[in-house]
PDB file of N, CA and C in Angstrom:
ATOM      1  N   MET A   1     -91.757 -67.148  90.807  1.00  0.00           N
ATOM      2  CA  MET A   1     -91.573 -66.572  89.485  1.00  0.00           C
ATOM      3  C   MET A   1     -91.883 -67.653  88.447  1.00  0.00           C
ATOM      4  N   PRO A   2     -92.625 -67.288  87.410  1.00  0.00           N
ATOM      5  CA  PRO A   2     -92.943 -68.267  86.368  1.00  0.00           C
ATOM      6  C   PRO A   2     -91.698 -68.660  85.581  1.00  0.00           C
ATOM      7  N   GLN A   3     -91.767 -69.810  84.949  1.00  0.00           N
ATOM      8  CA  GLN A   3     -90.668 -70.268  84.098  1.00  0.00           C
ATOM      9  C   GLN A   3     -90.487 -69.291  82.944  1.00  0.00           C
ATOM     10  N   LEU A   4     -89.274 -68.823  82.731  1.00  0.00           N
ATOM     11  CA  LEU A   4     -89.002 -67.861  81.661  1.00  0.00           C
ATOM     12  C   LEU A   4     -88.536 -68.588  80.403  1.00  0.00           C
ATOM     13  N   THR A   5     -88.899 -68.035  79.269  1.00  0.00           N
ATOM     14  CA  THR A   5     -88.422 -68.542  77.985  1.00  0.00           C
ATOM     15  C   THR A   5     -87.311 -67.613  77.526  1.00  0.00           C
ATOM     16  N   TRP A   6     -86.098 -68.097  77.599  1.00  0.00           N
ATOM     17  CA  TRP A   6     -84.932 -67.296  77.247  1.00  0.00           C
ATOM     18  C   TRP A   6     -84.664 -67.393  75.756  1.00  0.00           C
ATOM     19  N   GLN A   7     -84.333 -66.240  75.152  1.00  0.00           N
ATOM     20  CA  GLN A   7     -83.976 -66.191  73.733  1.00  0.00           C
ATOM     21  C   GLN A   7     -82.577 -65.617  73.606  1.00  0.00           C
ATOM     22  N   LYS A   8     -81.752 -66.272  72.813  1.00  0.00           N
ATOM     23  CA  LYS A   8     -80.384 -65.790  72.596  1.00  0.00           C
ATOM     24  C   LYS A   8     -80.413 -64.595  71.656  1.00  0.00           C
ATOM     25  N   SER A   9     -79.664 -63.578  71.986  1.00  0.00           N
ATOM     26  CA  SER A   9     -79.565 -62.407  71.139  1.00  0.00           C
ATOM     27  C   SER A   9     -79.053 -62.793  69.759  1.00  0.00           C
ATOM     28  N   SER A  10     -79.611 -62.187  68.740  1.00  0.00           N
ATOM     29  CA  SER A  10     -79.172 -62.476  67.371  1.00  0.00           C
ATOM     30  C   SER A  10     -77.746 -61.990  67.126  1.00  0.00           C
ATOM     31  N   PHE A  11     -77.225 -61.138  67.992  1.00  0.00           N
ATOM     32  CA  PHE A  11     -75.861 -60.646  67.846  1.00  0.00           C
ATOM     33  C   PHE A  11     -74.847 -61.525  68.564  1.00  0.00           C
ATOM     34  N   SER A  12     -75.309 -62.521  69.289  1.00  0.00           N
ATOM     35  CA  SER A  12     -74.400 -63.452  69.967  1.00  0.00           C
ATOM     36  C   SER A  12     -73.903 -64.473  68.957  1.00  0.00           C
ATOM     37  N   GLY A  13     -72.606 -64.629  68.880  1.00  0.00           N
ATOM     38  CA  GLY A  13     -72.027 -65.585  67.951  1.00  0.00           C
ATOM     39  C   GLY A  13     -72.180 -67.011  68.434  1.00  0.00           C
ATOM     40  N   ASP A  14     -72.184 -67.945  67.518  1.00  0.00           N
ATOM     41  CA  ASP A  14     -72.321 -69.347  67.868  1.00  0.00           C
ATOM     42  C   ASP A  14     -71.034 -69.930  68.439  1.00  0.00           C
ATOM     43  N   GLU A  15     -69.902 -69.392  68.058  1.00  0.00           N
ATOM     44  CA  GLU A  15     -68.627 -69.993  68.419  1.00  0.00           C
ATOM     45  C   GLU A  15     -67.984 -69.403  69.660  1.00  0.00           C
ATOM     46  N   SER A  16     -68.329 -68.189  70.029  1.00  0.00           N
ATOM     47  CA  SER A  16     -67.626 -67.513  71.114  1.00  0.00           C
ATOM     48  C   SER A  16     -67.961 -68.060  72.489  1.00  0.00           C
ATOM     49  N   GLY A  17     -69.174 -68.574  72.662  1.00  0.00           N
ATOM     50  CA  GLY A  17     -69.584 -69.035  73.982  1.00  0.00           C
ATOM     51  C   GLY A  17     -70.044 -67.916  74.885  1.00  0.00           C
ATOM     52  N   ASN A  18     -69.875 -66.671  74.464  1.00  0.00           N
ATOM     53  CA  ASN A  18     -70.326 -65.518  75.230  1.00  0.00           C
ATOM     54  C   ASN A  18     -71.623 -65.017  74.622  1.00  0.00           C
ATOM     55  N   CYS A  19     -72.723 -65.398  75.213  1.00  0.00           N
ATOM     56  CA  CYS A  19     -74.020 -65.065  74.642  1.00  0.00           C
ATOM     57  C   CYS A  19     -74.864 -64.277  75.628  1.00  0.00           C
ATOM     58  N   LEU A  20     -75.669 -63.384  75.099  1.00  0.00           N
ATOM     59  CA  LEU A  20     -76.620 -62.624  75.885  1.00  0.00           C
ATOM     60  C   LEU A  20     -78.002 -63.206  75.633  1.00  0.00           C
ATOM     61  N   TYR A  21     -78.732 -63.455  76.717  1.00  0.00           N
ATOM     62  CA  TYR A  21     -80.081 -64.010  76.622  1.00  0.00           C
ATOM     63  C   TYR A  21     -81.076 -63.016  77.203  1.00  0.00           C
ATOM     64  N   LEU A  22     -82.258 -62.951  76.596  1.00  0.00           N
ATOM     65  CA  LEU A  22     -83.334 -62.087  77.057  1.00  0.00           C
ATOM     66  C   LEU A  22     -84.598 -62.901  77.263  1.00  0.00           C
ATOM     67  N   ALA A  23     -85.414 -62.465  78.232  1.00  0.00           N
ATOM     68  CA  ALA A  23     -86.708 -63.099  78.472  1.00  0.00           C
ATOM     69  C   ALA A  23     -87.704 -62.021  78.871  1.00  0.00           C
ATOM     70  N   ALA A  24     -88.886 -62.052  78.264  1.00  0.00           N
ATOM     71  CA  ALA A  24     -89.968 -61.140  78.636  1.00  0.00           C
ATOM     72  C   ALA A  24     -90.783 -61.805  79.733  1.00  0.00           C
ATOM     73  N   THR A  25     -91.255 -61.022  80.689  1.00  0.00           N
ATOM     74  CA  THR A  25     -92.034 -61.559  81.798  1.00  0.00           C
ATOM     75  C   THR A  25     -93.486 -61.097  81.693  1.00  0.00           C
ATOM     76  N   PRO A  26     -94.385 -61.787  82.356  1.00  0.00           N
ATOM     77  CA  PRO A  26     -95.800 -61.404  82.310  1.00  0.00           C
ATOM     78  C   PRO A  26     -96.070 -59.994  82.843  1.00  0.00           C
ATOM     79  N   ASP A  27     -95.217 -59.500  83.745  1.00  0.00           N
ATOM     80  CA  ASP A  27     -95.443 -58.157  84.289  1.00  0.00           C
ATOM     81  C   ASP A  27     -94.905 -57.050  83.383  1.00  0.00           C
ATOM     82  N   GLY A  28     -94.364 -57.412  82.218  1.00  0.00           N
ATOM     83  CA  GLY A  28     -93.897 -56.421  81.258  1.00  0.00           C
ATOM     84  C   GLY A  28     -92.432 -56.053  81.361  1.00  0.00           C
ATOM     85  N   THR A  29     -91.717 -56.628  82.328  1.00  0.00           N
ATOM     86  CA  THR A  29     -90.291 -56.338  82.423  1.00  0.00           C
ATOM     87  C   THR A  29     -89.509 -57.283  81.514  1.00  0.00           C
ATOM     88  N   VAL A  30     -88.247 -56.961  81.344  1.00  0.00           N
ATOM     89  CA  VAL A  30     -87.352 -57.770  80.525  1.00  0.00           C
ATOM     90  C   VAL A  30     -86.206 -58.216  81.416  1.00  0.00           C
ATOM     91  N   ARG A  31     -85.833 -59.478  81.305  1.00  0.00           N
ATOM     92  CA  ARG A  31     -84.702 -60.026  82.063  1.00  0.00           C
ATOM     93  C   ARG A  31     -83.569 -60.296  81.096  1.00  0.00           C
ATOM     94  N   LEU A  32     -82.350 -60.016  81.540  1.00  0.00           N
ATOM     95  CA  LEU A  32     -81.161 -60.262  80.731  1.00  0.00           C
ATOM     96  C   LEU A  32     -80.175 -61.075  81.548  1.00  0.00           C
ATOM     97  N   ARG A  33     -79.472 -61.977  80.887  1.00  0.00           N
ATOM     98  CA  ARG A  33     -78.408 -62.736  81.538  1.00  0.00           C
ATOM     99  C   ARG A  33     -77.342 -63.066  80.500  1.00  0.00           C
ATOM    100  N   GLU A  34     -76.147 -63.307  80.988  1.00  0.00           N
ATOM    101  CA  GLU A  34     -75.026 -63.678  80.132  1.00  0.00           C
ATOM    102  C   GLU A  34     -74.735 -65.155  80.332  1.00  0.00           C
ATOM    103  N   SER A  35     -74.292 -65.819  79.283  1.00  0.00           N
ATOM    104  CA  SER A  35     -74.053 -67.260  79.367  1.00  0.00           C
ATOM    105  C   SER A  35     -72.976 -67.610  80.389  1.00  0.00           C
ATOM    106  N   ASP A  36     -72.006 -66.728  80.607  1.00  0.00           N
ATOM    107  CA  ASP A  36     -70.940 -67.002  81.577  1.00  0.00           C
ATOM    108  C   ASP A  36     -71.439 -67.005  83.016  1.00  0.00           C
ATOM    109  N   THR A  37     -72.454 -66.202  83.310  1.00  0.00           N
ATOM    110  CA  THR A  37     -72.994 -66.099  84.666  1.00  0.00           C
ATOM    111  C   THR A  37     -74.525 -66.118  84.606  1.00  0.00           C
ATOM    112  N   PRO A  38     -75.115 -67.257  84.269  1.00  0.00           N
ATOM    113  CA  PRO A  38     -76.563 -67.320  84.076  1.00  0.00           C
ATOM    114  C   PRO A  38     -77.388 -67.084  85.336  1.00  0.00           C
ATOM    115  N   HIS A  39     -76.768 -67.196  86.503  1.00  0.00           N
ATOM    116  CA  HIS A  39     -77.492 -66.969  87.755  1.00  0.00           C
ATOM    117  C   HIS A  39     -77.626 -65.486  88.085  1.00  0.00           C
ATOM    118  N   GLU A  40     -76.856 -64.629  87.408  1.00  0.00           N
ATOM    119  CA  GLU A  40     -76.950 -63.187  87.603  1.00  0.00           C
ATOM    120  C   GLU A  40     -77.886 -62.624  86.533  1.00  0.00           C
ATOM    121  N   ILE A  41     -79.036 -62.132  86.966  1.00  0.00           N
ATOM    122  CA  ILE A  41     -80.060 -61.663  86.042  1.00  0.00           C
ATOM    123  C   ILE A  41     -80.348 -60.188  86.299  1.00  0.00           C
ATOM    124  N   VAL A  42     -80.352 -59.413  85.238  1.00  0.00           N
ATOM    125  CA  VAL A  42     -80.673 -57.994  85.300  1.00  0.00           C
ATOM    126  C   VAL A  42     -82.125 -57.824  84.854  1.00  0.00           C
ATOM    127  N   THR A  43     -82.883 -57.041  85.609  1.00  0.00           N
ATOM    128  CA  THR A  43     -84.273 -56.768  85.266  1.00  0.00           C
ATOM    129  C   THR A  43     -84.401 -55.299  84.867  1.00  0.00           C
ATOM    130  N   THR A  44     -85.098 -55.047  83.769  1.00  0.00           N
ATOM    131  CA  THR A  44     -85.301 -53.689  83.301  1.00  0.00           C
ATOM    132  C   THR A  44     -86.656 -53.608  82.604  1.00  0.00           C
ATOM    133  N   THR A  45     -86.985 -52.426  82.123  1.00  0.00           N
ATOM    134  CA  THR A  45     -88.217 -52.255  81.358  1.00  0.00           C
ATOM    135  C   THR A  45     -87.874 -52.250  79.880  1.00  0.00           C
ATOM    136  N   ARG A  46     -88.885 -52.470  79.056  1.00  0.00           N
ATOM    137  CA  ARG A  46     -88.660 -52.425  77.608  1.00  0.00           C
ATOM    138  C   ARG A  46     -88.163 -51.050  77.177  1.00  0.00           C
ATOM    139  N   ALA A  47     -88.730 -49.998  77.765  1.00  0.00           N
ATOM    140  CA  ALA A  47     -88.346 -48.632  77.401  1.00  0.00           C
ATOM    141  C   ALA A  47     -86.886 -48.353  77.734  1.00  0.00           C
ATOM    142  N   ARG A  48     -86.451 -48.784  78.905  1.00  0.00           N
ATOM    143  CA  ARG A  48     -85.046 -48.545  79.295  1.00  0.00           C
ATOM    144  C   ARG A  48     -84.081 -49.374  78.446  1.00  0.00           C
ATOM    145  N   LEU A  49     -84.467 -50.594  78.123  1.00  0.00           N
ATOM    146  CA  LEU A  49     -83.624 -51.416  77.258  1.00  0.00           C
ATOM    147  C   LEU A  49     -83.530 -50.788  75.872  1.00  0.00           C
ATOM    148  N   ALA A  50     -84.647 -50.302  75.351  1.00  0.00           N
ATOM    149  CA  ALA A  50     -84.640 -49.645  74.039  1.00  0.00           C
ATOM    150  C   ALA A  50     -83.758 -48.400  74.060  1.00  0.00           C
ATOM    151  N   HIS A  51     -83.811 -47.650  75.159  1.00  0.00           N
ATOM    152  CA  HIS A  51     -82.963 -46.459  75.286  1.00  0.00           C
ATOM    153  C   HIS A  51     -81.486 -46.854  75.300  1.00  0.00           C
ATOM    154  N   LEU A  52     -81.135 -47.899  76.038  1.00  0.00           N
ATOM    155  CA  LEU A  52     -79.749 -48.373  76.078  1.00  0.00           C
ATOM    156  C   LEU A  52     -79.277 -48.791  74.691  1.00  0.00           C
ATOM    157  N   ILE A  53     -80.094 -49.541  73.974  1.00  0.00           N
ATOM    158  CA  ILE A  53     -79.713 -49.999  72.638  1.00  0.00           C
ATOM    159  C   ILE A  53     -79.507 -48.818  71.701  1.00  0.00           C
ATOM    160  N   ARG A  54     -80.416 -47.842  71.748  1.00  0.00           N
ATOM    161  CA  ARG A  54     -80.250 -46.640  70.903  1.00  0.00           C
ATOM    162  C   ARG A  54     -78.967 -45.900  71.254  1.00  0.00           C
ATOM    163  N   ALA A  55     -78.664 -45.773  72.551  1.00  0.00           N
ATOM    164  CA  ALA A  55     -77.457 -45.075  72.982  1.00  0.00           C
ATOM    165  C   ALA A  55     -76.200 -45.786  72.514  1.00  0.00           C
ATOM    166  N   VAL A  56     -76.181 -47.099  72.632  1.00  0.00           N
ATOM    167  CA  VAL A  56     -75.013 -47.871  72.189  1.00  0.00           C
ATOM    168  C   VAL A  56     -74.832 -47.732  70.684  1.00  0.00           C
ATOM    169  N   LYS A  57     -75.920 -47.839  69.936  1.00  0.00           N
ATOM    170  CA  LYS A  57     -75.832 -47.733  68.472  1.00  0.00           C
ATOM    171  C   LYS A  57     -75.372 -46.355  68.035  1.00  0.00           C
ATOM    172  N   SER A  58     -75.727 -45.326  68.786  1.00  0.00           N
ATOM    173  CA  SER A  58     -75.347 -43.961  68.391  1.00  0.00           C
ATOM    174  C   SER A  58     -73.967 -43.583  68.908  1.00  0.00           C
ATOM    175  N   GLY A  59     -73.363 -44.441  69.735  1.00  0.00           N
ATOM    176  CA  GLY A  59     -72.018 -44.171  70.235  1.00  0.00           C
ATOM    177  C   GLY A  59     -71.978 -43.303  71.465  1.00  0.00           C
ATOM    178  N   GLU A  60     -73.124 -43.104  72.132  1.00  0.00           N
ATOM    179  CA  GLU A  60     -73.140 -42.292  73.351  1.00  0.00           C
ATOM    180  C   GLU A  60     -72.318 -42.983  74.426  1.00  0.00           C
ATOM    181  N   THR A  61     -71.755 -42.172  75.308  1.00  0.00           N
ATOM    182  CA  THR A  61     -71.000 -42.712  76.432  1.00  0.00           C
ATOM    183  C   THR A  61     -71.771 -42.440  77.715  1.00  0.00           C
ATOM    184  N   ALA A  62     -71.327 -43.000  78.807  1.00  0.00           N
ATOM    185  CA  ALA A  62     -72.001 -42.811  80.089  1.00  0.00           C
ATOM    186  C   ALA A  62     -71.985 -41.342  80.503  1.00  0.00           C
ATOM    187  N   ALA A  63     -70.997 -40.590  80.047  1.00  0.00           N
ATOM    188  CA  ALA A  63     -70.900 -39.178  80.409  1.00  0.00           C
ATOM    189  C   ALA A  63     -71.810 -38.296  79.569  1.00  0.00           C
ATOM    190  N   SER A  64     -72.397 -38.841  78.521  1.00  0.00           N
ATOM    191  CA  SER A  64     -73.243 -38.037  77.635  1.00  0.00           C
ATOM    192  C   SER A  64     -74.531 -37.647  78.294  1.00  0.00           C
TER     193      SER A  64
END
């Protein structure tokens, strides 16, 4: 796997220590990791991540 360039989410606070990082890959997927467990990486597509963000912003729940 190529070296990833991780970017901290703009919604992650500087003081909390709990940060979400994202990295785009050459194959078009997106990787996510949390600062507390950087070795655990979630892989998704841009479309699915965008859908999750829209759902969270609109207040949808898992049962919706």
